[in-house]
């Protein structure tokens, strides 16, 4: 399964998160997930807030359209992002296409 799947009205994105990195950035693939290094620590939801901020900015959507639907307390997270095309999301996140 690719890290970006087209769903009705948007995409489903699977992440593997590495908190406390030097900068928030996409770091390629980690198995079937997109690896995201996050500068914030996983304390009081800071890392999740940084993930939502980073993805909303990168994909050009409001933060409210980037909910974490599973894995909020773990390294592996699933997000459902409304109003985004899978192919454009893949390019915006450095994967080339949505079916990487």
Protein backbone atom coordinates (compact mmCIF):
# COMPACT_ATOMS: atom_id res chain seq x y z
CA UNK A 1 0.00 0.00 0.00
CA UNK A 2 1.46 3.41 -0.92
CA UNK A 3 1.77 6.14 1.73
CA UNK A 4 -0.75 8.31 -0.17
CA UNK A 5 -4.13 6.84 -1.15
CA UNK A 6 -6.89 8.68 -2.99
CA UNK A 7 -10.15 8.64 -1.03
CA UNK A 8 -13.46 10.37 -1.60
CA UNK A 9 -12.80 14.11 -1.44
CA UNK A 10 -9.08 13.93 -0.68
CA UNK A 11 -6.28 11.60 0.40
CA UNK A 12 -5.33 9.25 3.20
CA UNK A 13 -1.69 9.69 4.25
CA UNK A 14 0.29 7.18 6.31
CA UNK A 15 3.24 8.59 8.26
CA UNK A 16 6.13 7.24 10.27
CA UNK A 17 7.15 10.09 12.57
CA UNK A 18 10.58 10.76 14.06
CA UNK A 19 10.19 13.42 16.77
CA UNK A 20 12.93 15.73 18.10
CA UNK A 21 14.66 16.10 14.74
CA UNK A 22 16.76 19.17 13.92
CA UNK A 23 14.09 20.34 11.43
CA UNK A 24 10.65 19.30 10.27
CA UNK A 25 11.05 17.64 6.88
CA UNK A 26 10.05 14.72 4.69
CA UNK A 27 12.73 12.04 4.90
CA UNK A 28 11.59 9.62 2.19
CA UNK A 29 9.80 6.34 2.74
CA UNK A 30 9.77 4.02 5.74
CA UNK A 31 8.20 0.77 4.53
CA UNK A 32 4.71 1.66 3.32
CA UNK A 33 4.69 5.02 5.13
CA UNK A 34 6.09 8.46 4.45
CA UNK A 35 8.85 9.24 6.97
CA UNK A 36 8.47 12.66 8.52
CA UNK A 37 11.10 14.12 10.81
CA UNK A 38 9.50 16.55 13.28
CA UNK A 39 11.40 19.20 15.23
CA UNK A 40 8.92 19.19 18.14
CA UNK A 41 9.04 16.68 21.00
CA UNK A 42 6.15 14.23 21.50
CA UNK A 43 4.99 16.09 24.62
CA UNK A 44 1.51 17.60 25.16
CA UNK A 45 0.63 17.13 21.48
CA UNK A 46 3.43 19.41 20.24
CA UNK A 47 4.64 16.95 17.60
CA UNK A 48 1.09 16.38 16.31
CA UNK A 49 0.52 20.13 16.05
CA UNK A 50 3.77 20.49 14.10
CA UNK A 51 2.77 17.65 11.75
CA UNK A 52 -0.59 19.29 11.02
CA UNK A 53 1.03 22.73 10.53
CA UNK A 54 3.73 21.36 8.22
CA UNK A 55 1.37 19.28 6.06
CA UNK A 56 -1.26 22.04 5.80
CA UNK A 57 1.40 24.49 4.66
CA UNK A 58 3.02 22.04 2.23
CA UNK A 59 -0.32 20.96 0.72
CA UNK A 60 -1.90 24.42 0.69
CA UNK A 61 -4.95 23.60 2.82
CA UNK A 62 -6.26 24.95 6.16
CA UNK A 63 -5.12 23.07 9.27
CA UNK A 64 -8.69 21.97 10.00
CA UNK A 65 -8.53 19.85 6.81
CA UNK A 66 -5.59 17.81 8.17
CA UNK A 67 -6.99 15.63 10.98
CA UNK A 68 -5.02 12.75 12.48
CA UNK A 69 -7.53 9.89 12.26
CA UNK A 70 -5.42 7.21 13.94
CA UNK A 71 -2.12 6.88 15.79
CA UNK A 72 -2.22 10.21 17.62
CA UNK A 73 -0.01 8.83 20.41
CA UNK A 74 2.30 6.63 18.32
CA UNK A 75 4.96 7.04 15.66
CA UNK A 76 2.71 5.62 12.92
CA UNK A 77 -0.11 7.99 12.07
CA UNK A 78 -2.89 8.09 9.51
CA UNK A 79 -4.35 11.38 8.33
CA UNK A 80 -7.34 12.06 6.07
CA UNK A 81 -6.71 15.29 4.19
CA UNK A 82 -9.67 16.84 2.38
CA UNK A 83 -9.46 18.80 -0.85
CA UNK A 84 -6.11 17.42 -2.01
CA UNK A 85 -5.30 15.37 -5.12
CA UNK A 86 -3.07 12.32 -4.52
CA UNK A 87 -0.71 13.07 -7.40
CA UNK A 88 -0.27 16.73 -6.40
CA UNK A 89 0.22 15.71 -2.77
CA UNK A 90 2.91 13.25 -3.81
CA UNK A 91 4.77 15.95 -5.69
CA UNK A 92 4.36 18.47 -2.83
CA UNK A 93 5.81 15.94 -0.41
CA UNK A 94 8.70 14.98 -2.68
CA UNK A 95 7.44 11.59 -3.86
CA UNK A 96 6.97 12.42 -7.54
CA UNK A 97 3.46 10.94 -7.73
CA UNK A 98 0.76 9.89 -5.33
CA UNK A 99 1.39 6.20 -6.03
CA UNK A 100 5.03 6.10 -4.94
